[in-house]
PDB file of all heavy atoms in Angstrom:
ATOM      1  N   ASP A   1     175.286  48.687 158.141  1.00  0.00           N
ATOM      2  CA  ASP A   1     175.703  47.746 159.332  1.00  0.00           C
ATOM      3  C   ASP A   1     176.294  46.425 158.791  1.00  0.00           C
ATOM      4  O   ASP A   1     177.381  46.000 159.344  1.00  0.00           O
ATOM      5  CB  ASP A   1     174.491  47.465 160.290  1.00  0.00           C
ATOM      6  CG  ASP A   1     174.148  48.590 161.004  1.00  0.00           C
ATOM      7  OD1 ASP A   1     175.011  49.538 161.239  1.00  0.00           O
ATOM      8  OD2 ASP A   1     172.867  48.584 161.531  1.00  0.00           O
ATOM      9  N   ILE A   2     175.796  45.959 157.860  1.00  0.00           N
ATOM     10  CA  ILE A   2     176.231  44.626 157.268  1.00  0.00           C
ATOM     11  C   ILE A   2     177.612  44.856 156.612  1.00  0.00           C
ATOM     12  O   ILE A   2     178.581  44.215 156.803  1.00  0.00           O
ATOM     13  CB  ILE A   2     175.457  43.879 156.260  1.00  0.00           C
ATOM     14  CG1 ILE A   2     173.997  43.458 156.994  1.00  0.00           C
ATOM     15  CG2 ILE A   2     175.942  42.895 155.399  1.00  0.00           C
ATOM     16  CD1 ILE A   2     172.881  43.152 156.019  1.00  0.00           C
ATOM     17  N   GLN A   3     177.778  45.953 155.820  1.00  0.00           N
ATOM     18  CA  GLN A   3     178.972  46.286 155.207  1.00  0.00           C
ATOM     19  C   GLN A   3     180.165  46.680 156.213  1.00  0.00           C
ATOM     20  O   GLN A   3     181.269  46.217 155.994  1.00  0.00           O
ATOM     21  CB  GLN A   3     178.782  47.477 154.166  1.00  0.00           C
ATOM     22  CG  GLN A   3     178.072  46.975 152.899  1.00  0.00           C
ATOM     23  CD  GLN A   3     177.885  47.983 151.949  1.00  0.00           C
ATOM     24  OE1 GLN A   3     177.515  49.195 152.157  1.00  0.00           O
ATOM     25  NE2 GLN A   3     178.176  47.706 150.692  1.00  0.00           N
ATOM     26  N   VAL A   4     179.762  47.331 157.356  1.00  0.00           N
ATOM     27  CA  VAL A   4     180.643  47.448 158.457  1.00  0.00           C
ATOM     28  C   VAL A   4     181.167  46.191 159.015  1.00  0.00           C
ATOM     29  O   VAL A   4     182.383  46.141 159.150  1.00  0.00           O
ATOM     30  CB  VAL A   4     180.076  48.428 159.565  1.00  0.00           C
ATOM     31  CG1 VAL A   4     181.035  48.452 160.758  1.00  0.00           C
ATOM     32  CG2 VAL A   4     179.811  49.871 158.986  1.00  0.00           C
ATOM     33  N   GLU A   5     180.315  45.260 159.193  1.00  0.00           N
ATOM     34  CA  GLU A   5     180.728  43.995 159.694  1.00  0.00           C
ATOM     35  C   GLU A   5     181.610  43.263 158.832  1.00  0.00           C
ATOM     36  O   GLU A   5     182.611  42.634 159.206  1.00  0.00           O
ATOM     37  CB  GLU A   5     179.507  42.932 159.861  1.00  0.00           C
ATOM     38  CG  GLU A   5     178.508  43.257 161.020  1.00  0.00           C
ATOM     39  CD  GLU A   5     177.275  42.471 160.836  1.00  0.00           C
ATOM     40  OE1 GLU A   5     177.411  41.363 160.112  1.00  0.00           O
ATOM     41  OE2 GLU A   5     176.288  42.827 161.345  1.00  0.00           O
ATOM     42  N   GLN A   6     181.487  43.468 157.508  1.00  0.00           N
ATOM     43  CA  GLN A   6     182.233  42.672 156.476  1.00  0.00           C
ATOM     44  C   GLN A   6     183.573  43.362 156.099  1.00  0.00           C
ATOM     45  O   GLN A   6     184.455  42.725 155.604  1.00  0.00           O
ATOM     46  CB  GLN A   6     181.342  42.568 155.202  1.00  0.00           C
ATOM     47  CG  GLN A   6     180.027  41.943 155.330  1.00  0.00           C
ATOM     48  CD  GLN A   6     180.135  40.463 155.467  1.00  0.00           C
ATOM     49  OE1 GLN A   6     181.051  39.846 155.035  1.00  0.00           O
ATOM     50  NE2 GLN A   6     179.352  39.914 156.330  1.00  0.00           N
ATOM     51  N   ALA A   7     183.722  44.687 156.363  1.00  0.00           N
ATOM     52  CA  ALA A   7     184.812  45.476 155.880  1.00  0.00           C
ATOM     53  C   ALA A   7     186.037  44.904 156.702  1.00  0.00           C
ATOM     54  O   ALA A   7     186.018  44.911 158.024  1.00  0.00           O
ATOM     55  CB  ALA A   7     184.618  46.935 156.113  1.00  0.00           C
ATOM     56  N   SER A   8     187.086  44.617 156.071  1.00  0.00           N
ATOM     57  CA  SER A   8     188.174  44.127 156.797  1.00  0.00           C
ATOM     58  C   SER A   8     189.321  45.318 156.951  1.00  0.00           C
ATOM     59  O   SER A   8     190.184  45.228 157.736  1.00  0.00           O
ATOM     60  CB  SER A   8     188.993  42.960 156.025  1.00  0.00           C
ATOM     61  OG  SER A   8     189.198  43.364 154.613  1.00  0.00           O
ATOM     62  N   GLU A   9     189.244  46.318 156.038  1.00  0.00           N
ATOM     63  CA  GLU A   9     190.228  47.354 156.122  1.00  0.00           C
ATOM     64  C   GLU A   9     189.720  48.429 156.991  1.00  0.00           C
ATOM     65  O   GLU A   9     188.479  48.836 156.851  1.00  0.00           O
ATOM     66  CB  GLU A   9     190.566  47.994 154.770  1.00  0.00           C
ATOM     67  CG  GLU A   9     191.378  46.902 153.823  1.00  0.00           C
ATOM     68  CD  GLU A   9     191.598  47.455 152.479  1.00  0.00           C
ATOM     69  OE1 GLU A   9     191.555  48.803 152.334  1.00  0.00           O
ATOM     70  OE2 GLU A   9     191.831  46.678 151.650  1.00  0.00           O
ATOM     71  N   LEU A  10     190.494  49.035 157.889  1.00  0.00           N
ATOM     72  CA  LEU A  10     190.177  50.089 158.785  1.00  0.00           C
ATOM     73  C   LEU A  10     189.553  51.381 158.010  1.00  0.00           C
ATOM     74  O   LEU A  10     188.472  51.826 158.477  1.00  0.00           O
ATOM     75  CB  LEU A  10     191.323  50.587 159.539  1.00  0.00           C
ATOM     76  CG  LEU A  10     191.054  51.597 160.738  1.00  0.00           C
ATOM     77  CD1 LEU A  10     189.914  51.109 161.684  1.00  0.00           C
ATOM     78  CD2 LEU A  10     192.181  52.057 161.463  1.00  0.00           C
ATOM     79  N   ASP A  11     190.207  51.747 156.898  1.00  0.00           N
ATOM     80  CA  ASP A  11     189.685  52.989 156.277  1.00  0.00           C
ATOM     81  C   ASP A  11     188.276  52.715 155.745  1.00  0.00           C
ATOM     82  O   ASP A  11     187.385  53.476 155.743  1.00  0.00           O
ATOM     83  CB  ASP A  11     190.529  53.278 155.109  1.00  0.00           C
ATOM     84  CG  ASP A  11     191.838  53.937 155.587  1.00  0.00           C
ATOM     85  OD1 ASP A  11     191.997  54.353 156.788  1.00  0.00           O
ATOM     86  OD2 ASP A  11     192.850  53.970 154.634  1.00  0.00           O
ATOM     87  N   ALA A  12     187.970  51.551 155.181  1.00  0.00           N
ATOM     88  CA  ALA A  12     186.674  51.272 154.635  1.00  0.00           C
ATOM     89  C   ALA A  12     185.664  51.285 155.813  1.00  0.00           C
ATOM     90  O   ALA A  12     184.628  51.732 155.698  1.00  0.00           O
ATOM     91  CB  ALA A  12     186.738  49.836 154.058  1.00  0.00           C
ATOM     92  N   ARG A  13     186.052  50.601 156.858  1.00  0.00           N
ATOM     93  CA  ARG A  13     185.131  50.503 158.136  1.00  0.00           C
ATOM     94  C   ARG A  13     184.757  51.956 158.570  1.00  0.00           C
ATOM     95  O   ARG A  13     183.664  52.250 158.753  1.00  0.00           O
ATOM     96  CB  ARG A  13     185.693  49.714 159.269  1.00  0.00           C
ATOM     97  CG  ARG A  13     185.724  48.239 159.042  1.00  0.00           C
ATOM     98  CD  ARG A  13     186.305  47.570 160.169  1.00  0.00           C
ATOM     99  NE  ARG A  13     185.593  47.783 161.566  1.00  0.00           N
ATOM    100  CZ  ARG A  13     184.580  46.943 161.823  1.00  0.00           C
ATOM    101  NH1 ARG A  13     184.226  45.969 161.254  1.00  0.00           N
ATOM    102  NH2 ARG A  13     183.979  47.207 163.013  1.00  0.00           N
ATOM    103  N   LEU A  14     185.795  52.905 158.706  1.00  0.00           N
ATOM    104  CA  LEU A  14     185.626  54.189 159.197  1.00  0.00           C
ATOM    105  C   LEU A  14     184.749  54.880 158.061  1.00  0.00           C
ATOM    106  O   LEU A  14     183.878  55.745 158.536  1.00  0.00           O
ATOM    107  CB  LEU A  14     186.924  54.872 159.336  1.00  0.00           C
ATOM    108  CG  LEU A  14     187.798  54.411 160.449  1.00  0.00           C
ATOM    109  CD1 LEU A  14     189.170  55.066 160.495  1.00  0.00           C
ATOM    110  CD2 LEU A  14     187.044  54.592 161.826  1.00  0.00           C
ATOM    111  N   ASP A  15     184.963  54.759 156.863  1.00  0.00           N
ATOM    112  CA  ASP A  15     184.103  55.438 155.845  1.00  0.00           C
ATOM    113  C   ASP A  15     182.574  54.995 155.965  1.00  0.00           C
ATOM    114  O   ASP A  15     181.745  55.831 156.019  1.00  0.00           O
ATOM    115  CB  ASP A  15     184.517  55.098 154.436  1.00  0.00           C
ATOM    116  CG  ASP A  15     185.799  56.000 154.090  1.00  0.00           C
ATOM    117  OD1 ASP A  15     186.189  56.858 154.735  1.00  0.00           O
ATOM    118  OD2 ASP A  15     186.470  55.508 153.024  1.00  0.00           O
ATOM    119  N   LEU A  16     182.391  53.791 156.217  1.00  0.00           N
ATOM    120  CA  LEU A  16     181.034  53.130 156.247  1.00  0.00           C
ATOM    121  C   LEU A  16     180.379  53.621 157.633  1.00  0.00           C
ATOM    122  O   LEU A  16     179.205  53.992 157.642  1.00  0.00           O
ATOM    123  CB  LEU A  16     181.042  51.629 156.263  1.00  0.00           C
ATOM    124  CG  LEU A  16     181.397  51.051 154.872  1.00  0.00           C
ATOM    125  CD1 LEU A  16     181.793  49.586 154.996  1.00  0.00           C
ATOM    126  CD2 LEU A  16     180.235  51.314 153.881  1.00  0.00           C
ATOM    127  N   LEU A  17     181.140  53.574 158.718  1.00  0.00           N
ATOM    128  CA  LEU A  17     180.508  54.169 160.039  1.00  0.00           C
ATOM    129  C   LEU A  17     180.223  55.687 159.803  1.00  0.00           C
ATOM    130  O   LEU A  17     179.162  56.138 160.325  1.00  0.00           O
ATOM    131  CB  LEU A  17     181.624  53.971 161.066  1.00  0.00           C
ATOM    132  CG  LEU A  17     181.745  52.400 161.546  1.00  0.00           C
ATOM    133  CD1 LEU A  17     183.001  52.275 162.437  1.00  0.00           C
ATOM    134  CD2 LEU A  17     180.547  52.025 162.231  1.00  0.00           C
ATOM    135  N   GLY A  18     181.197  56.410 159.234  1.00  0.00           N
ATOM    136  CA  GLY A  18     180.788  57.849 159.024  1.00  0.00           C
ATOM    137  C   GLY A  18     179.572  58.076 158.193  1.00  0.00           C
ATOM    138  O   GLY A  18     178.772  58.972 158.504  1.00  0.00           O
ATOM    139  N   ARG A  19     179.368  57.210 157.169  1.00  0.00           N
ATOM    140  CA  ARG A  19     178.204  57.245 156.254  1.00  0.00           C
ATOM    141  C   ARG A  19     176.979  56.953 157.208  1.00  0.00           C
ATOM    142  O   ARG A  19     175.861  57.618 157.045  1.00  0.00           O
ATOM    143  CB  ARG A  19     178.304  56.321 155.006  1.00  0.00           C
ATOM    144  CG  ARG A  19     177.114  56.314 154.176  1.00  0.00           C
ATOM    145  CD  ARG A  19     176.901  57.562 153.409  1.00  0.00           C
ATOM    146  NE  ARG A  19     175.774  57.429 152.605  1.00  0.00           N
ATOM    147  CZ  ARG A  19     174.746  58.209 152.505  1.00  0.00           C
ATOM    148  NH1 ARG A  19     174.681  59.364 153.381  1.00  0.00           N
ATOM    149  NH2 ARG A  19     173.731  58.006 151.712  1.00  0.00           N
ATOM    150  N   ALA A  20     177.118  55.889 157.951  1.00  0.00           N
ATOM    151  CA  ALA A  20     175.931  55.501 158.857  1.00  0.00           C
ATOM    152  C   ALA A  20     175.542  56.573 159.750  1.00  0.00           C
ATOM    153  O   ALA A  20     174.367  56.819 159.958  1.00  0.00           O
ATOM    154  CB  ALA A  20     176.293  54.249 159.532  1.00  0.00           C
ATOM    155  N   ALA A  21     176.632  57.139 160.366  1.00  0.00           N
ATOM    156  CA  ALA A  21     176.307  58.202 161.402  1.00  0.00           C
ATOM    157  C   ALA A  21     175.493  59.484 160.752  1.00  0.00           C
ATOM    158  O   ALA A  21     174.719  59.998 161.281  1.00  0.00           O
ATOM    159  CB  ALA A  21     177.801  58.707 161.996  1.00  0.00           C
ATOM    160  N   THR A  22     176.076  59.767 159.405  1.00  0.00           N
ATOM    161  CA  THR A  22     175.504  60.822 158.786  1.00  0.00           C
ATOM    162  C   THR A  22     173.922  60.510 158.485  1.00  0.00           C
ATOM    163  O   THR A  22     173.057  61.387 158.600  1.00  0.00           O
ATOM    164  CB  THR A  22     176.182  61.183 157.475  1.00  0.00           C
ATOM    165  OG1 THR A  22     177.540  61.442 157.780  1.00  0.00           O
ATOM    166  CG2 THR A  22     175.588  62.265 156.713  1.00  0.00           C
ATOM    167  N   VAL A  23     173.724  59.439 157.983  1.00  0.00           N
ATOM    168  CA  VAL A  23     172.265  58.943 157.765  1.00  0.00           C
ATOM    169  C   VAL A  23     171.557  59.026 158.983  1.00  0.00           C
ATOM    170  O   VAL A  23     170.345  59.635 158.884  1.00  0.00           O
ATOM    171  CB  VAL A  23     172.292  57.523 157.094  1.00  0.00           C
ATOM    172  CG1 VAL A  23     170.793  57.005 156.937  1.00  0.00           C
ATOM    173  CG2 VAL A  23     172.978  57.531 155.651  1.00  0.00           C
ATOM    174  N   ALA A  24     171.974  58.520 160.116  1.00  0.00           N
ATOM    175  CA  ALA A  24     171.134  58.433 161.304  1.00  0.00           C
ATOM    176  C   ALA A  24     170.957  59.809 161.816  1.00  0.00           C
ATOM    177  O   ALA A  24     169.878  60.111 162.206  1.00  0.00           O
ATOM    178  CB  ALA A  24     171.956  57.637 162.390  1.00  0.00           C
ATOM    179  N   GLU A  25     172.033  60.731 161.724  1.00  0.00           N
ATOM    180  CA  GLU A  25     171.836  62.114 162.319  1.00  0.00           C
ATOM    181  C   GLU A  25     170.926  63.021 161.387  1.00  0.00           C
ATOM    182  O   GLU A  25     170.023  63.622 161.901  1.00  0.00           O
ATOM    183  CB  GLU A  25     173.170  62.802 162.429  1.00  0.00           C
ATOM    184  CG  GLU A  25     173.184  64.082 162.926  1.00  0.00           C
ATOM    185  CD  GLU A  25     174.522  64.805 162.965  1.00  0.00           C
ATOM    186  OE1 GLU A  25     175.564  64.250 162.693  1.00  0.00           O
ATOM    187  OE2 GLU A  25     174.626  66.067 163.456  1.00  0.00           O
ATOM    188  N   HIS A  26     171.201  62.962 160.150  1.00  0.00           N
ATOM    189  CA  HIS A  26     170.561  63.871 159.250  1.00  0.00           C
ATOM    190  C   HIS A  26     169.301  63.451 158.629  1.00  0.00           C
ATOM    191  O   HIS A  26     168.250  64.158 158.715  1.00  0.00           O
ATOM    192  CB  HIS A  26     171.469  64.402 158.198  1.00  0.00           C
ATOM    193  CG  HIS A  26     172.671  65.310 158.657  1.00  0.00           C
ATOM    194  ND1 HIS A  26     172.567  66.433 159.237  1.00  0.00           N
ATOM    195  CD2 HIS A  26     174.066  64.773 158.844  1.00  0.00           C
ATOM    196  CE1 HIS A  26     173.726  66.900 159.629  1.00  0.00           C
ATOM    197  NE2 HIS A  26     174.734  65.886 159.336  1.00  0.00           N
ATOM    198  N   ALA A  27     169.317  62.219 158.087  1.00  0.00           N
ATOM    199  CA  ALA A  27     168.101  61.606 157.364  1.00  0.00           C
ATOM    200  C   ALA A  27     167.063  61.161 158.411  1.00  0.00           C
ATOM    201  O   ALA A  27     165.928  61.333 158.313  1.00  0.00           O
ATOM    202  CB  ALA A  27     168.469  60.628 156.430  1.00  0.00           C
ATOM    203  N   LEU A  28     167.605  60.546 159.540  1.00  0.00           N
ATOM    204  CA  LEU A  28     166.609  59.989 160.496  1.00  0.00           C
ATOM    205  C   LEU A  28     166.401  60.808 161.672  1.00  0.00           C
ATOM    206  O   LEU A  28     165.631  60.443 162.530  1.00  0.00           O
ATOM    207  CB  LEU A  28     167.012  58.544 160.717  1.00  0.00           C
ATOM    208  CG  LEU A  28     167.091  57.594 159.662  1.00  0.00           C
ATOM    209  CD1 LEU A  28     167.655  56.146 160.184  1.00  0.00           C
ATOM    210  CD2 LEU A  28     165.825  57.356 159.122  1.00  0.00           C
TER     211      LEU A  28
END
């Protein structure tokens, strides 16, 4: 979440959001 807030480039934000969604869905 912190890294998403800090990311200035769209691709980086999307990658981080995708990673967060995967963690939330599969791990948690």
